[in-house]
Amino acid sequence: MSTYLLLLLELLIGIGTGQRVLRVLRILASRLIKTLGRICPDEESARFGLGYTRVTLVIAPLILVLLMDLFSRDSTPQDSLRTALLASPGGLLAVLHLIGSRIGRFITVPKHQDARQ
């Protein structure tokens, strides 16, 4: 398999994974904007947060796929594609964890009351 074709496939895997998550995020965008609206000082900041999230969800899997490609230069094309298929969701998971933990700091959870009282 050509090196360029392999790189193209790996890039498509990275971009495609991010795009699939963005489709889900479009469905949840109104909820995310409401959450960001409670956290951010104004609506423009909330919109920036949404845009930042979208860009990060596309870039992170792509960067991780490219980094893993650098470390797996001597592997077979099948192993390189397998690594890309693992790295792409790994990048998404890392970014979603980062964003979730940052947003989670601002969300308060009511304390659970004992049912016997």
N, C-alpha and C. Protein backbone atom coordinates (compact mmCIF):
# COMPACT_ATOMS: atom_id res chain seq x y z
N MET A 1 0.85 -1.17 0.00
CA MET A 1 0.00 0.00 0.00
C MET A 1 0.90 1.24 0.00
N SER A 2 0.55 2.19 -0.80
CA SER A 2 1.32 3.43 -0.90
C SER A 2 1.30 4.18 0.43
N THR A 3 2.42 4.80 0.76
CA THR A 3 2.53 5.57 2.00
C THR A 3 1.53 6.73 2.01
N TYR A 4 1.35 7.36 0.86
CA TYR A 4 0.42 8.49 0.77
C TYR A 4 -1.03 8.03 0.94
N LEU A 5 -1.36 6.88 0.36
CA LEU A 5 -2.71 6.36 0.52
C LEU A 5 -2.98 5.98 1.98
N LEU A 6 -1.99 5.38 2.62
CA LEU A 6 -2.13 5.02 4.02
C LEU A 6 -2.31 6.26 4.89
N LEU A 7 -1.52 7.30 4.63
CA LEU A 7 -1.66 8.55 5.38
C LEU A 7 -3.03 9.18 5.15
N LEU A 8 -3.50 9.14 3.91
CA LEU A 8 -4.82 9.67 3.60
C LEU A 8 -5.91 8.91 4.36
N LEU A 9 -5.82 7.59 4.38
CA LEU A 9 -6.80 6.79 5.12
C LEU A 9 -6.77 7.12 6.61
N GLU A 10 -5.58 7.27 7.16
CA GLU A 10 -5.46 7.61 8.58
C GLU A 10 -6.05 8.99 8.87
N LEU A 11 -5.81 9.93 7.98
CA LEU A 11 -6.39 11.26 8.16
C LEU A 11 -7.91 11.23 8.07
N LEU A 12 -8.42 10.44 7.14
CA LEU A 12 -9.88 10.30 7.01
C LEU A 12 -10.49 9.66 8.26
N ILE A 13 -9.78 8.72 8.85
CA ILE A 13 -10.26 8.11 10.09
C ILE A 13 -10.33 9.16 11.19
N GLY A 14 -9.27 9.95 11.34
CA GLY A 14 -9.24 10.98 12.37
C GLY A 14 -10.31 12.03 12.17
N ILE A 15 -10.45 12.52 10.96
CA ILE A 15 -11.45 13.55 10.68
C ILE A 15 -12.86 12.98 10.77
N GLY A 16 -13.06 11.77 10.26
CA GLY A 16 -14.38 11.15 10.29
C GLY A 16 -14.90 10.91 11.69
N THR A 17 -14.01 10.50 12.58
CA THR A 17 -14.42 10.27 13.97
C THR A 17 -14.89 11.56 14.61
N GLY A 18 -14.12 12.62 14.42
CA GLY A 18 -14.52 13.92 14.96
C GLY A 18 -15.83 14.42 14.38
N GLN A 19 -16.03 14.19 13.09
CA GLN A 19 -17.27 14.63 12.44
C GLN A 19 -18.49 13.90 12.99
N ARG A 20 -18.33 12.60 13.27
CA ARG A 20 -19.45 11.85 13.84
C ARG A 20 -19.85 12.39 15.21
N VAL A 21 -18.88 12.74 16.01
CA VAL A 21 -19.18 13.29 17.32
C VAL A 21 -19.82 14.68 17.18
N LEU A 22 -19.38 15.44 16.20
CA LEU A 22 -19.98 16.76 15.97
C LEU A 22 -21.44 16.65 15.57
N ARG A 23 -21.81 15.60 14.86
CA ARG A 23 -23.23 15.40 14.52
C ARG A 23 -24.06 15.21 15.79
N VAL A 24 -23.54 14.43 16.71
CA VAL A 24 -24.24 14.25 17.99
C VAL A 24 -24.28 15.56 18.75
N LEU A 25 -23.18 16.30 18.71
CA LEU A 25 -23.11 17.58 19.43
C LEU A 25 -24.11 18.58 18.86
N ARG A 26 -24.38 18.53 17.55
CA ARG A 26 -25.39 19.43 16.97
C ARG A 26 -26.75 19.18 17.59
N ILE A 27 -27.05 17.92 17.86
CA ILE A 27 -28.34 17.58 18.49
C ILE A 27 -28.38 18.14 19.91
N LEU A 28 -27.25 18.07 20.60
CA LEU A 28 -27.18 18.51 21.99
C LEU A 28 -26.72 19.96 22.14
N ALA A 29 -26.55 20.67 21.04
CA ALA A 29 -25.98 22.03 21.09
C ALA A 29 -26.80 22.97 21.95
N SER A 30 -28.11 22.89 21.87
CA SER A 30 -28.93 23.81 22.67
C SER A 30 -28.73 23.56 24.16
N ARG A 31 -28.58 22.30 24.55
CA ARG A 31 -28.33 21.99 25.97
C ARG A 31 -26.95 22.47 26.39
N LEU A 32 -25.97 22.28 25.51
CA LEU A 32 -24.62 22.72 25.83
C LEU A 32 -24.56 24.24 25.94
N ILE A 33 -25.25 24.94 25.04
CA ILE A 33 -25.30 26.41 25.10
C ILE A 33 -25.95 26.86 26.41
N LYS A 34 -27.01 26.18 26.85
CA LYS A 34 -27.65 26.54 28.12
C LYS A 34 -26.69 26.34 29.28
N THR A 35 -25.96 25.23 29.26
CA THR A 35 -24.99 24.96 30.33
C THR A 35 -23.88 25.99 30.30
N LEU A 36 -23.35 26.26 29.11
CA LEU A 36 -22.31 27.27 28.99
C LEU A 36 -22.83 28.65 29.36
N GLY A 37 -24.10 28.92 29.07
CA GLY A 37 -24.71 30.20 29.43
C GLY A 37 -24.76 30.42 30.94
N ARG A 38 -24.91 29.33 31.69
CA ARG A 38 -24.90 29.44 33.15
C ARG A 38 -23.49 29.66 33.67
N ILE A 39 -22.51 29.13 32.96
CA ILE A 39 -21.12 29.20 33.42
C ILE A 39 -20.44 30.49 32.96
N CYS A 40 -20.66 30.85 31.70
CA CYS A 40 -19.96 31.98 31.11
C CYS A 40 -20.62 33.30 31.49
N PRO A 41 -19.84 34.38 31.48
CA PRO A 41 -20.39 35.68 31.88
C PRO A 41 -21.40 36.27 30.89
N ASP A 42 -21.29 35.91 29.62
CA ASP A 42 -22.24 36.43 28.64
C ASP A 42 -22.45 35.40 27.52
N GLU A 43 -23.41 35.70 26.64
CA GLU A 43 -23.77 34.77 25.56
C GLU A 43 -22.63 34.59 24.56
N GLU A 44 -21.90 35.65 24.30
CA GLU A 44 -20.79 35.55 23.35
C GLU A 44 -19.71 34.59 23.87
N SER A 45 -19.45 34.61 25.15
CA SER A 45 -18.49 33.67 25.73
C SER A 45 -18.98 32.24 25.61
N ALA A 46 -20.29 32.04 25.80
CA ALA A 46 -20.87 30.70 25.66
C ALA A 46 -20.74 30.20 24.22
N ARG A 47 -20.97 31.07 23.27
CA ARG A 47 -20.82 30.68 21.86
C ARG A 47 -19.37 30.37 21.53
N PHE A 48 -18.45 31.13 22.11
CA PHE A 48 -17.04 30.83 21.92
C PHE A 48 -16.71 29.45 22.48
N GLY A 49 -17.25 29.14 23.66
CA GLY A 49 -17.03 27.83 24.28
C GLY A 49 -17.53 26.70 23.40
N LEU A 50 -18.68 26.91 22.77
CA LEU A 50 -19.22 25.90 21.86
C LEU A 50 -18.32 25.74 20.64
N GLY A 51 -17.89 26.85 20.07
CA GLY A 51 -16.98 26.78 18.92
C GLY A 51 -15.66 26.12 19.28
N TYR A 52 -15.13 26.45 20.44
CA TYR A 52 -13.88 25.85 20.92
C TYR A 52 -14.05 24.34 21.05
N THR A 53 -15.17 23.92 21.60
CA THR A 53 -15.44 22.50 21.76
C THR A 53 -15.49 21.81 20.40
N ARG A 54 -16.17 22.40 19.45
CA ARG A 54 -16.28 21.80 18.12
C ARG A 54 -14.92 21.66 17.43
N VAL A 55 -14.13 22.71 17.48
CA VAL A 55 -12.81 22.67 16.85
C VAL A 55 -11.92 21.64 17.53
N THR A 56 -11.96 21.60 18.84
CA THR A 56 -11.12 20.67 19.58
C THR A 56 -11.51 19.22 19.30
N LEU A 57 -12.80 18.96 19.13
CA LEU A 57 -13.24 17.60 18.84
C LEU A 57 -12.81 17.12 17.46
N VAL A 58 -12.51 18.03 16.56
CA VAL A 58 -12.00 17.64 15.25
C VAL A 58 -10.48 17.52 15.27
N ILE A 59 -9.83 18.45 15.93
CA ILE A 59 -8.36 18.50 15.90
C ILE A 59 -7.73 17.40 16.75
N ALA A 60 -8.25 17.12 17.92
CA ALA A 60 -7.60 16.18 18.85
C ALA A 60 -7.45 14.77 18.27
N PRO A 61 -8.49 14.17 17.69
CA PRO A 61 -8.28 12.84 17.11
C PRO A 61 -7.28 12.86 15.96
N LEU A 62 -7.32 13.92 15.18
CA LEU A 62 -6.41 14.03 14.05
C LEU A 62 -4.96 14.12 14.52
N ILE A 63 -4.71 14.91 15.53
CA ILE A 63 -3.34 15.04 16.07
C ILE A 63 -2.87 13.72 16.65
N LEU A 64 -3.72 13.04 17.39
CA LEU A 64 -3.30 11.77 17.98
C LEU A 64 -3.04 10.72 16.91
N VAL A 65 -3.84 10.69 15.86
CA VAL A 65 -3.61 9.75 14.76
C VAL A 65 -2.27 10.04 14.10
N LEU A 66 -1.98 11.31 13.85
CA LEU A 66 -0.70 11.67 13.22
C LEU A 66 0.49 11.36 14.13
N LEU A 67 0.34 11.60 15.43
CA LEU A 67 1.42 11.26 16.37
C LEU A 67 1.67 9.76 16.41
N MET A 68 0.60 8.99 16.44
CA MET A 68 0.77 7.54 16.47
C MET A 68 1.37 7.04 15.16
N ASP A 69 1.09 7.71 14.06
CA ASP A 69 1.69 7.34 12.78
C ASP A 69 3.20 7.55 12.82
N LEU A 70 3.64 8.60 13.49
CA LEU A 70 5.08 8.84 13.63
C LEU A 70 5.77 7.71 14.39
N PHE A 71 5.10 7.19 15.42
CA PHE A 71 5.70 6.14 16.24
C PHE A 71 5.58 4.75 15.64
N SER A 72 4.74 4.59 14.63
CA SER A 72 4.55 3.27 14.04
C SER A 72 5.02 3.22 12.58
N ARG A 73 6.09 3.89 12.30
CA ARG A 73 6.63 3.94 10.93
C ARG A 73 7.04 2.57 10.40
N ASP A 74 7.55 1.70 11.27
CA ASP A 74 8.06 0.41 10.83
C ASP A 74 7.00 -0.68 10.81
N SER A 75 5.78 -0.36 11.11
CA SER A 75 4.74 -1.39 11.16
C SER A 75 4.11 -1.61 9.79
N THR A 76 3.32 -2.65 9.71
CA THR A 76 2.63 -2.97 8.45
C THR A 76 1.49 -1.98 8.24
N PRO A 77 1.00 -1.86 7.02
CA PRO A 77 -0.14 -0.95 6.78
C PRO A 77 -1.37 -1.31 7.62
N GLN A 78 -1.61 -2.61 7.80
CA GLN A 78 -2.77 -3.02 8.61
C GLN A 78 -2.59 -2.58 10.06
N ASP A 79 -1.38 -2.71 10.58
CA ASP A 79 -1.14 -2.26 11.95
C ASP A 79 -1.26 -0.75 12.08
N SER A 80 -0.82 -0.03 11.05
CA SER A 80 -0.94 1.43 11.07
C SER A 80 -2.40 1.85 11.08
N LEU A 81 -3.23 1.18 10.26
CA LEU A 81 -4.66 1.51 10.25
C LEU A 81 -5.31 1.13 11.58
N ARG A 82 -4.90 0.01 12.15
CA ARG A 82 -5.44 -0.40 13.45
C ARG A 82 -5.08 0.63 14.52
N THR A 83 -3.85 1.12 14.46
CA THR A 83 -3.42 2.14 15.42
C THR A 83 -4.23 3.42 15.23
N ALA A 84 -4.50 3.78 13.99
CA ALA A 84 -5.32 4.98 13.73
C ALA A 84 -6.74 4.79 14.24
N LEU A 85 -7.27 3.58 14.06
CA LEU A 85 -8.62 3.31 14.55
C LEU A 85 -8.70 3.33 16.07
N LEU A 86 -7.61 3.04 16.74
CA LEU A 86 -7.57 3.12 18.20
C LEU A 86 -7.26 4.54 18.68
N ALA A 87 -6.39 5.23 17.97
CA ALA A 87 -5.96 6.56 18.41
C ALA A 87 -7.07 7.60 18.25
N SER A 88 -7.87 7.48 17.22
CA SER A 88 -8.90 8.48 16.96
C SER A 88 -9.93 8.55 18.08
N PRO A 89 -10.55 7.44 18.48
CA PRO A 89 -11.46 7.54 19.63
C PRO A 89 -10.72 7.88 20.93
N GLY A 90 -9.46 7.49 21.00
CA GLY A 90 -8.67 7.86 22.18
C GLY A 90 -8.52 9.36 22.31
N GLY A 91 -8.29 10.04 21.19
CA GLY A 91 -8.21 11.49 21.19
C GLY A 91 -9.54 12.13 21.57
N LEU A 92 -10.63 11.56 21.06
CA LEU A 92 -11.95 12.08 21.42
C LEU A 92 -12.22 11.89 22.91
N LEU A 93 -11.88 10.73 23.41
CA LEU A 93 -12.10 10.46 24.82
C LEU A 93 -11.32 11.44 25.70
N ALA A 94 -10.08 11.70 25.33
CA ALA A 94 -9.26 12.64 26.10
C ALA A 94 -9.86 14.04 26.09
N VAL A 95 -10.30 14.50 24.93
CA VAL A 95 -10.88 15.84 24.82
C VAL A 95 -12.21 15.93 25.56
N LEU A 96 -13.05 14.92 25.40
CA LEU A 96 -14.34 14.95 26.10
C LEU A 96 -14.14 14.91 27.61
N HIS A 97 -13.15 14.17 28.07
CA HIS A 97 -12.85 14.16 29.50
C HIS A 97 -12.39 15.54 29.97
N LEU A 98 -11.51 16.16 29.19
CA LEU A 98 -11.01 17.49 29.53
C LEU A 98 -12.14 18.51 29.59
N ILE A 99 -12.96 18.53 28.57
CA ILE A 99 -14.07 19.50 28.51
C ILE A 99 -15.09 19.20 29.61
N GLY A 100 -15.41 17.93 29.80
CA GLY A 100 -16.36 17.54 30.84
C GLY A 100 -15.88 17.90 32.24
N SER A 101 -14.59 17.70 32.49
CA SER A 101 -14.08 18.03 33.82
C SER A 101 -14.07 19.54 34.05
N ARG A 102 -13.80 20.30 33.01
CA ARG A 102 -13.83 21.76 33.16
C ARG A 102 -15.25 22.27 33.38
N ILE A 103 -16.20 21.76 32.62
CA ILE A 103 -17.59 22.18 32.81
C ILE A 103 -18.12 21.66 34.14
N GLY A 104 -17.73 20.44 34.49
CA GLY A 104 -18.19 19.82 35.73
C GLY A 104 -17.82 20.59 36.98
N ARG A 105 -16.75 21.36 36.94
CA ARG A 105 -16.36 22.16 38.11
C ARG A 105 -17.41 23.20 38.47
N PHE A 106 -18.19 23.61 37.48
CA PHE A 106 -19.15 24.69 37.71
C PHE A 106 -20.56 24.17 37.99
N ILE A 107 -20.77 22.89 37.86
CA ILE A 107 -22.10 22.31 38.06
C ILE A 107 -22.17 21.77 39.48
N THR A 108 -23.15 22.22 40.22
CA THR A 108 -23.33 21.75 41.59
C THR A 108 -24.39 20.65 41.61
N VAL A 109 -24.12 19.63 42.37
CA VAL A 109 -25.05 18.52 42.51
C VAL A 109 -25.65 18.60 43.91
N PRO A 110 -26.98 18.58 44.00
CA PRO A 110 -27.59 18.64 45.34
C PRO A 110 -27.22 17.42 46.15
N LYS A 111 -27.03 17.63 47.46
CA LYS A 111 -26.69 16.51 48.33
C LYS A 111 -27.89 15.58 48.47
N HIS A 112 -27.58 14.28 48.48
CA HIS A 112 -28.62 13.26 48.59
C HIS A 112 -29.11 13.19 50.04
N GLN A 113 -30.41 13.24 50.22
CA GLN A 113 -30.99 13.17 51.55
C GLN A 113 -31.30 11.71 51.87
N ASP A 114 -31.14 11.32 53.10
CA ASP A 114 -31.43 9.95 53.53
C ASP A 114 -32.94 9.71 53.40
N ALA A 115 -33.32 8.61 52.78
CA ALA A 115 -34.74 8.31 52.53
C ALA A 115 -35.50 8.00 53.81
N ARG A 116 -34.81 7.63 54.88
CA ARG A 116 -35.50 7.27 56.13
C ARG A 116 -35.97 8.51 56.90
N GLN A 117 -35.49 9.65 56.60
CA GLN A 117 -35.87 10.85 57.37
C GLN A 117 -37.17 11.41 56.93
